[in-house]
Amino acid sequence: MITGKKINQTLSLQAAHALYREDGKWYHHLKIFPGILCDKNGYVEFPDLQMYQNNTYLQHGQDLHVLGGISQIPGYIPYSEEQKQSLNFL
């Protein structure tokens, strides 16, 4: 099972909090920073709470919603083929 924690550890991303959602459209909230939101194809980094709260692509409510998914956010980092293999995405 893929989790944000597993992606963070496997890729050595050094986030304090990492969350995963396959489609990248709905998450619980990041609580510790730096944080990352991951989907099946890549991730977005949030170095601090201010950048996370002020990101206009994120809809903060009871849960976190991302219209169109995190791949639409500037700064989205796609996984390399090697990273996908290490995560068993292929």
PDB file of N, CA and C in Angstrom:
ATOM      1  N   MET A   1       0.841  -1.186   0.000  1.00  0.00           N
ATOM      2  CA  MET A   1       0.000   0.000   0.000  1.00  0.00           C
ATOM      3  C   MET A   1       0.887   1.250   0.000  1.00  0.00           C
ATOM      4  N   ILE A   2       0.572   2.157  -0.880  1.00  0.00           N
ATOM      5  CA  ILE A   2       1.338   3.393  -0.977  1.00  0.00           C
ATOM      6  C   ILE A   2       0.793   4.402   0.041  1.00  0.00           C
ATOM      7  N   THR A   3       1.688   5.016   0.773  1.00  0.00           N
ATOM      8  CA  THR A   3       1.328   6.081   1.712  1.00  0.00           C
ATOM      9  C   THR A   3       2.298   7.240   1.510  1.00  0.00           C
ATOM     10  N   GLY A   4       1.910   8.408   1.988  1.00  0.00           N
ATOM     11  CA  GLY A   4       2.806   9.552   1.940  1.00  0.00           C
ATOM     12  C   GLY A   4       4.089   9.275   2.714  1.00  0.00           C
ATOM     13  N   LYS A   5       3.951   8.609   3.833  1.00  0.00           N
ATOM     14  CA  LYS A   5       5.122   8.283   4.658  1.00  0.00           C
ATOM     15  C   LYS A   5       6.095   7.391   3.883  1.00  0.00           C
ATOM     16  N   LYS A   6       5.561   6.383   3.189  1.00  0.00           N
ATOM     17  CA  LYS A   6       6.411   5.480   2.411  1.00  0.00           C
ATOM     18  C   LYS A   6       7.112   6.234   1.281  1.00  0.00           C
ATOM     19  N   ILE A   7       6.383   7.089   0.576  1.00  0.00           N
ATOM     20  CA  ILE A   7       6.987   7.864  -0.510  1.00  0.00           C
ATOM     21  C   ILE A   7       8.082   8.760   0.042  1.00  0.00           C
ATOM     22  N   ASN A   8       7.802   9.453   1.121  1.00  0.00           N
ATOM     23  CA  ASN A   8       8.767  10.341   1.753  1.00  0.00           C
ATOM     24  C   ASN A   8      10.042   9.587   2.130  1.00  0.00           C
ATOM     25  N   GLN A   9       9.894   8.427   2.751  1.00  0.00           N
ATOM     26  CA  GLN A   9      11.051   7.633   3.181  1.00  0.00           C
ATOM     27  C   GLN A   9      11.798   7.035   1.992  1.00  0.00           C
ATOM     28  N   THR A  10      11.069   6.451   1.052  1.00  0.00           N
ATOM     29  CA  THR A  10      11.699   5.780  -0.084  1.00  0.00           C
ATOM     30  C   THR A  10      12.490   6.755  -0.951  1.00  0.00           C
ATOM     31  N   LEU A  11      11.940   7.935  -1.158  1.00  0.00           N
ATOM     32  CA  LEU A  11      12.594   8.928  -2.014  1.00  0.00           C
ATOM     33  C   LEU A  11      13.470   9.902  -1.231  1.00  0.00           C
ATOM     34  N   SER A  12      13.550   9.733   0.076  1.00  0.00           N
ATOM     35  CA  SER A  12      14.361  10.611   0.948  1.00  0.00           C
ATOM     36  C   SER A  12      14.016  12.085   0.733  1.00  0.00           C
ATOM     37  N   LEU A  13      12.728  12.400   0.760  1.00  0.00           N
ATOM     38  CA  LEU A  13      12.273  13.767   0.506  1.00  0.00           C
ATOM     39  C   LEU A  13      12.428  14.683   1.719  1.00  0.00           C
ATOM     40  N   GLN A  14      12.609  14.125   2.891  1.00  0.00           N
ATOM     41  CA  GLN A  14      12.881  14.868   4.126  1.00  0.00           C
ATOM     42  C   GLN A  14      11.744  15.791   4.557  1.00  0.00           C
ATOM     43  N   ALA A  15      10.516  15.399   4.261  1.00  0.00           N
ATOM     44  CA  ALA A  15       9.359  16.153   4.740  1.00  0.00           C
ATOM     45  C   ALA A  15       9.046  15.710   6.166  1.00  0.00           C
ATOM     46  N   ALA A  16       8.534  16.633   6.959  1.00  0.00           N
ATOM     47  CA  ALA A  16       8.104  16.302   8.318  1.00  0.00           C
ATOM     48  C   ALA A  16       6.718  15.649   8.302  1.00  0.00           C
ATOM     49  N   HIS A  17       5.928  15.922   7.244  1.00  0.00           N
ATOM     50  CA  HIS A  17       4.577  15.352   7.111  1.00  0.00           C
ATOM     51  C   HIS A  17       4.327  15.146   5.620  1.00  0.00           C
ATOM     52  N   ALA A  18       3.912  13.951   5.253  1.00  0.00           N
ATOM     53  CA  ALA A  18       3.652  13.626   3.846  1.00  0.00           C
ATOM     54  C   ALA A  18       2.321  12.898   3.738  1.00  0.00           C
ATOM     55  N   LEU A  19       1.514  13.319   2.776  1.00  0.00           N
ATOM     56  CA  LEU A  19       0.208  12.702   2.549  1.00  0.00           C
ATOM     57  C   LEU A  19       0.104  12.244   1.108  1.00  0.00           C
ATOM     58  N   TYR A  20      -0.605  11.135   0.893  1.00  0.00           N
ATOM     59  CA  TYR A  20      -0.776  10.575  -0.445  1.00  0.00           C
ATOM     60  C   TYR A  20      -2.252  10.384  -0.752  1.00  0.00           C
ATOM     61  N   ARG A  21      -2.609  10.720  -1.973  1.00  0.00           N
ATOM     62  CA  ARG A  21      -3.943  10.416  -2.516  1.00  0.00           C
ATOM     63  C   ARG A  21      -3.728  10.119  -3.992  1.00  0.00           C
ATOM     64  N   GLU A  22      -4.193   8.989  -4.468  1.00  0.00           N
ATOM     65  CA  GLU A  22      -3.904   8.566  -5.837  1.00  0.00           C
ATOM     66  C   GLU A  22      -4.254   9.635  -6.872  1.00  0.00           C
ATOM     67  N   ASP A  23      -5.449  10.239  -6.748  1.00  0.00           N
ATOM     68  CA  ASP A  23      -5.863  11.233  -7.749  1.00  0.00           C
ATOM     69  C   ASP A  23      -5.415  12.653  -7.422  1.00  0.00           C
ATOM     70  N   GLY A  24      -4.864  12.873  -6.231  1.00  0.00           N
ATOM     71  CA  GLY A  24      -4.334  14.185  -5.867  1.00  0.00           C
ATOM     72  C   GLY A  24      -5.369  15.274  -5.661  1.00  0.00           C
ATOM     73  N   LYS A  25      -6.617  14.899  -5.374  1.00  0.00           N
ATOM     74  CA  LYS A  25      -7.686  15.903  -5.274  1.00  0.00           C
ATOM     75  C   LYS A  25      -8.230  16.127  -3.868  1.00  0.00           C
ATOM     76  N   TRP A  26      -7.983  15.219  -2.936  1.00  0.00           N
ATOM     77  CA  TRP A  26      -8.533  15.343  -1.586  1.00  0.00           C
ATOM     78  C   TRP A  26      -7.523  14.810  -0.590  1.00  0.00           C
ATOM     79  N   TYR A  27      -7.315  15.556   0.478  1.00  0.00           N
ATOM     80  CA  TYR A  27      -6.365  15.151   1.520  1.00  0.00           C
ATOM     81  C   TYR A  27      -6.887  15.597   2.879  1.00  0.00           C
ATOM     82  N   HIS A  28      -6.331  14.989   3.922  1.00  0.00           N
ATOM     83  CA  HIS A  28      -6.427  15.601   5.237  1.00  0.00           C
ATOM     84  C   HIS A  28      -5.472  16.786   5.193  1.00  0.00           C
ATOM     85  N   HIS A  29      -5.401  17.579   6.237  1.00  0.00           N
ATOM     86  CA  HIS A  29      -4.515  18.747   6.239  1.00  0.00           C
ATOM     87  C   HIS A  29      -3.104  18.388   6.672  1.00  0.00           C
ATOM     88  N   LEU A  30      -2.135  19.032   6.044  1.00  0.00           N
ATOM     89  CA  LEU A  30      -0.758  18.936   6.526  1.00  0.00           C
ATOM     90  C   LEU A  30      -0.700  19.650   7.865  1.00  0.00           C
ATOM     91  N   LYS A  31       0.023  19.092   8.820  1.00  0.00           N
ATOM     92  CA  LYS A  31       0.082  19.679  10.156  1.00  0.00           C
ATOM     93  C   LYS A  31       1.480  20.086  10.584  1.00  0.00           C
ATOM     94  N   ILE A  32       2.500  19.510   9.962  1.00  0.00           N
ATOM     95  CA  ILE A  32       3.883  19.797  10.314  1.00  0.00           C
ATOM     96  C   ILE A  32       4.629  20.112   9.023  1.00  0.00           C
ATOM     97  N   PHE A  33       5.541  21.050   9.081  1.00  0.00           N
ATOM     98  CA  PHE A  33       6.262  21.484   7.872  1.00  0.00           C
ATOM     99  C   PHE A  33       7.758  21.373   8.080  1.00  0.00           C
ATOM    100  N   PRO A  34       8.487  21.117   6.980  1.00  0.00           N
ATOM    101  CA  PRO A  34       8.025  21.056   5.596  1.00  0.00           C
ATOM    102  C   PRO A  34       7.119  19.856   5.366  1.00  0.00           C
ATOM    103  N   GLY A  35       6.163  20.055   4.447  1.00  0.00           N
ATOM    104  CA  GLY A  35       5.206  19.009   4.136  1.00  0.00           C
ATOM    105  C   GLY A  35       5.125  18.787   2.637  1.00  0.00           C
ATOM    106  N   ILE A  36       4.620  17.610   2.262  1.00  0.00           N
ATOM    107  CA  ILE A  36       4.419  17.310   0.845  1.00  0.00           C
ATOM    108  C   ILE A  36       3.070  16.634   0.648  1.00  0.00           C
ATOM    109  N   LEU A  37       2.455  16.943  -0.486  1.00  0.00           N
ATOM    110  CA  LEU A  37       1.261  16.244  -0.947  1.00  0.00           C
ATOM    111  C   LEU A  37       1.685  15.426  -2.155  1.00  0.00           C
ATOM    112  N   CYS A  38       1.358  14.145  -2.153  1.00  0.00           N
ATOM    113  CA  CYS A  38       1.770  13.237  -3.222  1.00  0.00           C
ATOM    114  C   CYS A  38       0.549  12.655  -3.927  1.00  0.00           C
ATOM    115  N   ASP A  39       0.717  12.377  -5.216  1.00  0.00           N
ATOM    116  CA  ASP A  39      -0.273  11.597  -5.948  1.00  0.00           C
ATOM    117  C   ASP A  39       0.462  10.481  -6.672  1.00  0.00           C
ATOM    118  N   LYS A  40      -0.209   9.772  -7.572  1.00  0.00           N
ATOM    119  CA  LYS A  40       0.404   8.614  -8.218  1.00  0.00           C
ATOM    120  C   LYS A  40       1.516   8.983  -9.200  1.00  0.00           C
ATOM    121  N   ASN A  41       1.618  10.261  -9.549  1.00  0.00           N
ATOM    122  CA  ASN A  41       2.613  10.667 -10.548  1.00  0.00           C
ATOM    123  C   ASN A  41       3.676  11.635 -10.052  1.00  0.00           C
ATOM    124  N   GLY A  42       3.505  12.189  -8.842  1.00  0.00           N
ATOM    125  CA  GLY A  42       4.488  13.159  -8.357  1.00  0.00           C
ATOM    126  C   GLY A  42       4.049  13.789  -7.047  1.00  0.00           C
ATOM    127  N   TYR A  43       4.634  14.933  -6.734  1.00  0.00           N
ATOM    128  CA  TYR A  43       4.366  15.579  -5.447  1.00  0.00           C
ATOM    129  C   TYR A  43       4.604  17.085  -5.514  1.00  0.00           C
ATOM    130  N   VAL A  44       4.095  17.768  -4.494  1.00  0.00           N
ATOM    131  CA  VAL A  44       4.299  19.210  -4.333  1.00  0.00           C
ATOM    132  C   VAL A  44       4.828  19.427  -2.920  1.00  0.00           C
ATOM    133  N   GLU A  45       5.846  20.254  -2.805  1.00  0.00           N
ATOM    134  CA  GLU A  45       6.450  20.551  -1.509  1.00  0.00           C
ATOM    135  C   GLU A  45       5.908  21.872  -0.954  1.00  0.00           C
ATOM    136  N   PHE A  46       5.713  21.911   0.338  1.00  0.00           N
ATOM    137  CA  PHE A  46       5.318  23.127   1.045  1.00  0.00           C
ATOM    138  C   PHE A  46       6.310  23.320   2.191  1.00  0.00           C
ATOM    139  N   PRO A  47       7.256  24.248   2.015  1.00  0.00           N
ATOM    140  CA  PRO A  47       8.298  24.412   3.023  1.00  0.00           C
ATOM    141  C   PRO A  47       7.794  24.930   4.365  1.00  0.00           C
ATOM    142  N   ASP A  48       6.682  25.678   4.332  1.00  0.00           N
ATOM    143  CA  ASP A  48       6.179  26.228   5.593  1.00  0.00           C
ATOM    144  C   ASP A  48       4.664  26.415   5.544  1.00  0.00           C
ATOM    145  N   LEU A  49       4.092  26.655   6.710  1.00  0.00           N
ATOM    146  CA  LEU A  49       2.644  26.803   6.845  1.00  0.00           C
ATOM    147  C   LEU A  49       2.108  27.947   5.992  1.00  0.00           C
ATOM    148  N   GLN A  50       2.822  29.059   5.932  1.00  0.00           N
ATOM    149  CA  GLN A  50       2.354  30.224   5.176  1.00  0.00           C
ATOM    150  C   GLN A  50       2.204  29.891   3.689  1.00  0.00           C
ATOM    151  N   MET A  51       3.178  29.214   3.102  1.00  0.00           N
ATOM    152  CA  MET A  51       3.085  28.863   1.673  1.00  0.00           C
ATOM    153  C   MET A  51       1.934  27.888   1.430  1.00  0.00           C
ATOM    154  N   TYR A  52       1.694  27.016   2.389  1.00  0.00           N
ATOM    155  CA  TYR A  52       0.595  26.053   2.299  1.00  0.00           C
ATOM    156  C   TYR A  52      -0.751  26.770   2.393  1.00  0.00           C
ATOM    157  N   GLN A  53      -0.910  27.621   3.373  1.00  0.00           N
ATOM    158  CA  GLN A  53      -2.184  28.321   3.570  1.00  0.00           C
ATOM    159  C   GLN A  53      -2.486  29.319   2.470  1.00  0.00           C
ATOM    160  N   ASN A  54      -1.455  29.915   1.878  1.00  0.00           N
ATOM    161  CA  ASN A  54      -1.653  30.955   0.865  1.00  0.00           C
ATOM    162  C   ASN A  54      -1.702  30.420  -0.564  1.00  0.00           C
ATOM    163  N   ASN A  55      -1.560  29.111  -0.747  1.00  0.00           N
ATOM    164  CA  ASN A  55      -1.589  28.551  -2.091  1.00  0.00           C
ATOM    165  C   ASN A  55      -3.019  28.582  -2.623  1.00  0.00           C
ATOM    166  N   THR A  56      -3.219  29.297  -3.702  1.00  0.00           N
ATOM    167  CA  THR A  56      -4.565  29.509  -4.246  1.00  0.00           C
ATOM    168  C   THR A  56      -5.163  28.257  -4.896  1.00  0.00           C
ATOM    169  N   TYR A  57      -4.372  27.234  -5.133  1.00  0.00           N
ATOM    170  CA  TYR A  57      -4.877  25.990  -5.698  1.00  0.00           C
ATOM    171  C   TYR A  57      -5.509  25.091  -4.644  1.00  0.00           C
ATOM    172  N   LEU A  58      -5.258  25.397  -3.385  1.00  0.00           N
ATOM    173  CA  LEU A  58      -5.755  24.579  -2.281  1.00  0.00           C
ATOM    174  C   LEU A  58      -6.999  25.203  -1.676  1.00  0.00           C
ATOM    175  N   GLN A  59      -8.016  24.393  -1.457  1.00  0.00           N
ATOM    176  CA  GLN A  59      -9.236  24.839  -0.807  1.00  0.00           C
ATOM    177  C   GLN A  59      -9.262  24.238   0.600  1.00  0.00           C
ATOM    178  N   HIS A  60      -8.980  25.106   1.577  1.00  0.00           N
ATOM    179  CA  HIS A  60      -8.911  24.678   2.971  1.00  0.00           C
ATOM    180  C   HIS A  60     -10.306  24.723   3.592  1.00  0.00           C
ATOM    181  N   GLY A  61     -10.781  23.591   4.017  1.00  0.00           N
ATOM    182  CA  GLY A  61     -12.048  23.470   4.728  1.00  0.00           C
ATOM    183  C   GLY A  61     -11.848  22.428   5.809  1.00  0.00           C
ATOM    184  N   GLN A  62     -12.878  21.667   6.088  1.00  0.00           N
ATOM    185  CA  GLN A  62     -12.710  20.574   7.040  1.00  0.00           C
ATOM    186  C   GLN A  62     -11.629  19.620   6.536  1.00  0.00           C
ATOM    187  N   ASP A  63     -11.603  19.395   5.225  1.00  0.00           N
ATOM    188  CA  ASP A  63     -10.551  18.635   4.558  1.00  0.00           C
ATOM    189  C   ASP A  63      -9.926  19.542   3.509  1.00  0.00           C
ATOM    190  N   LEU A  64      -8.904  19.058   2.866  1.00  0.00           N
ATOM    191  CA  LEU A  64      -8.211  19.835   1.841  1.00  0.00           C
ATOM    192  C   LEU A  64      -8.639  19.342   0.472  1.00  0.00           C
ATOM    193  N   HIS A  65      -9.115  20.249  -0.365  1.00  0.00           N
ATOM    194  CA  HIS A  65      -9.523  19.913  -1.722  1.00  0.00           C
ATOM    195  C   HIS A  65      -8.625  20.654  -2.707  1.00  0.00           C
ATOM    196  N   VAL A  66      -8.297  19.957  -3.802  1.00  0.00           N
ATOM    197  CA  VAL A  66      -7.433  20.527  -4.832  1.00  0.00           C
ATOM    198  C   VAL A  66      -8.139  20.329  -6.166  1.00  0.00           C
ATOM    199  N   LEU A  67      -8.738  21.400  -6.676  1.00  0.00           N
ATOM    200  CA  LEU A  67      -9.438  21.304  -7.960  1.00  0.00           C
ATOM    201  C   LEU A  67      -8.449  20.919  -9.055  1.00  0.00           C
ATOM    202  N   GLY A  68      -8.767  19.868  -9.785  1.00  0.00           N
ATOM    203  CA  GLY A  68      -7.891  19.418 -10.861  1.00  0.00           C
ATOM    204  C   GLY A  68      -6.713  18.585 -10.390  1.00  0.00           C
ATOM    205  N   GLY A  69      -6.508  18.462  -9.098  1.00  0.00           N
ATOM    206  CA  GLY A  69      -5.409  17.666  -8.555  1.00  0.00           C
ATOM    207  C   GLY A  69      -4.131  18.460  -8.385  1.00  0.00           C
ATOM    208  N   ILE A  70      -3.224  17.921  -7.588  1.00  0.00           N
ATOM    209  CA  ILE A  70      -1.982  18.641  -7.283  1.00  0.00           C
ATOM    210  C   ILE A  70      -1.079  18.817  -8.492  1.00  0.00           C
ATOM    211  N   SER A  71      -1.277  18.027  -9.539  1.00  0.00           N
ATOM    212  CA  SER A  71      -0.436  18.176 -10.738  1.00  0.00           C
ATOM    213  C   SER A  71      -0.642  19.529 -11.408  1.00  0.00           C
ATOM    214  N   GLN A  72      -1.714  20.234 -11.069  1.00  0.00           N
ATOM    215  CA  GLN A  72      -1.984  21.565 -11.630  1.00  0.00           C
ATOM    216  C   GLN A  72      -1.228  22.674 -10.888  1.00  0.00           C
ATOM    217  N   ILE A  73      -0.663  22.361  -9.737  1.00  0.00           N
ATOM    218  CA  ILE A  73       0.012  23.373  -8.912  1.00  0.00           C
ATOM    219  C   ILE A  73       1.404  23.643  -9.452  1.00  0.00           C
ATOM    220  N   PRO A  74       1.755  24.909  -9.694  1.00  0.00           N
ATOM    221  CA  PRO A  74       3.128  25.228 -10.105  1.00  0.00           C
ATOM    222  C   PRO A  74       4.118  24.692  -9.063  1.00  0.00           C
ATOM    223  N   GLY A  75       5.176  24.074  -9.535  1.00  0.00           N
ATOM    224  CA  GLY A  75       6.152  23.473  -8.649  1.00  0.00           C
ATOM    225  C   GLY A  75       5.947  21.976  -8.445  1.00  0.00           C
ATOM    226  N   TYR A  76       4.901  21.424  -9.076  1.00  0.00           N
ATOM    227  CA  TYR A  76       4.648  19.983  -9.012  1.00  0.00           C
ATOM    228  C   TYR A  76       5.855  19.255  -9.593  1.00  0.00           C
ATOM    229  N   ILE A  77       6.315  18.211  -8.895  1.00  0.00           N
ATOM    230  CA  ILE A  77       7.505  17.462  -9.312  1.00  0.00           C
ATOM    231  C   ILE A  77       7.078  16.043  -9.688  1.00  0.00           C
ATOM    232  N   PRO A  78       7.150  15.706 -10.991  1.00  0.00           N
ATOM    233  CA  PRO A  78       6.792  14.336 -11.397  1.00  0.00           C
ATOM    234  C   PRO A  78       7.874  13.350 -10.941  1.00  0.00           C
ATOM    235  N   TYR A  79       7.463  12.121 -10.634  1.00  0.00           N
ATOM    236  CA  TYR A  79       8.426  11.082 -10.292  1.00  0.00           C
ATOM    237  C   TYR A  79       9.227  10.706 -11.538  1.00  0.00           C
ATOM    238  N   SER A  80      10.508  10.433 -11.347  1.00  0.00           N
ATOM    239  CA  SER A  80      11.319   9.889 -12.436  1.00  0.00           C
ATOM    240  C   SER A  80      10.935   8.428 -12.614  1.00  0.00           C
ATOM    241  N   GLU A  81      11.325   7.839 -13.723  1.00  0.00           N
ATOM    242  CA  GLU A  81      11.035   6.417 -13.956  1.00  0.00           C
ATOM    243  C   GLU A  81      11.667   5.561 -12.854  1.00  0.00           C
ATOM    244  N   GLU A  82      12.864   5.914 -12.445  1.00  0.00           N
ATOM    245  CA  GLU A  82      13.541   5.176 -11.368  1.00  0.00           C
ATOM    246  C   GLU A  82      12.751   5.272 -10.058  1.00  0.00           C
ATOM    247  N   GLN A  83      12.246   6.473  -9.756  1.00  0.00           N
ATOM    248  CA  GLN A  83      11.446   6.648  -8.542  1.00  0.00           C
ATOM    249  C   GLN A  83      10.162   5.838  -8.618  1.00  0.00           C
ATOM    250  N   LYS A  84       9.498   5.825  -9.771  1.00  0.00           N
ATOM    251  CA  LYS A  84       8.274   5.043  -9.935  1.00  0.00           C
ATOM    252  C   LYS A  84       8.543   3.571  -9.680  1.00  0.00           C
ATOM    253  N   GLN A  85       9.657   3.068 -10.187  1.00  0.00           N
ATOM    254  CA  GLN A  85      10.002   1.664  -9.999  1.00  0.00           C
ATOM    255  C   GLN A  85      10.243   1.375  -8.510  1.00  0.00           C
ATOM    256  N   SER A  86      10.926   2.269  -7.833  1.00  0.00           N
ATOM    257  CA  SER A  86      11.193   2.042  -6.414  1.00  0.00           C
ATOM    258  C   SER A  86       9.902   2.097  -5.585  1.00  0.00           C
ATOM    259  N   LEU A  87       8.890   2.801  -6.096  1.00  0.00           N
ATOM    260  CA  LEU A  87       7.596   2.893  -5.415  1.00  0.00           C
ATOM    261  C   LEU A  87       6.605   1.845  -5.918  1.00  0.00           C
ATOM    262  N   ASN A  88       7.018   1.020  -6.844  1.00  0.00           N
ATOM    263  CA  ASN A  88       6.158  -0.011  -7.430  1.00  0.00           C
ATOM    264  C   ASN A  88       4.950   0.583  -8.134  1.00  0.00           C
ATOM    265  N   PHE A  89       5.113   1.721  -8.780  1.00  0.00           N
ATOM    266  CA  PHE A  89       4.021   2.343  -9.523  1.00  0.00           C
ATOM    267  C   PHE A  89       3.875   1.750 -10.921  1.00  0.00           C
ATOM    268  N   LEU A  90       4.909   1.082 -11.404  1.00  0.00           N
ATOM    269  CA  LEU A  90       4.856   0.565 -12.780  1.00  0.00           C
ATOM    270  C   LEU A  90       4.270  -0.822 -12.822  1.00  0.00           C
TER     271      LEU A  90
END
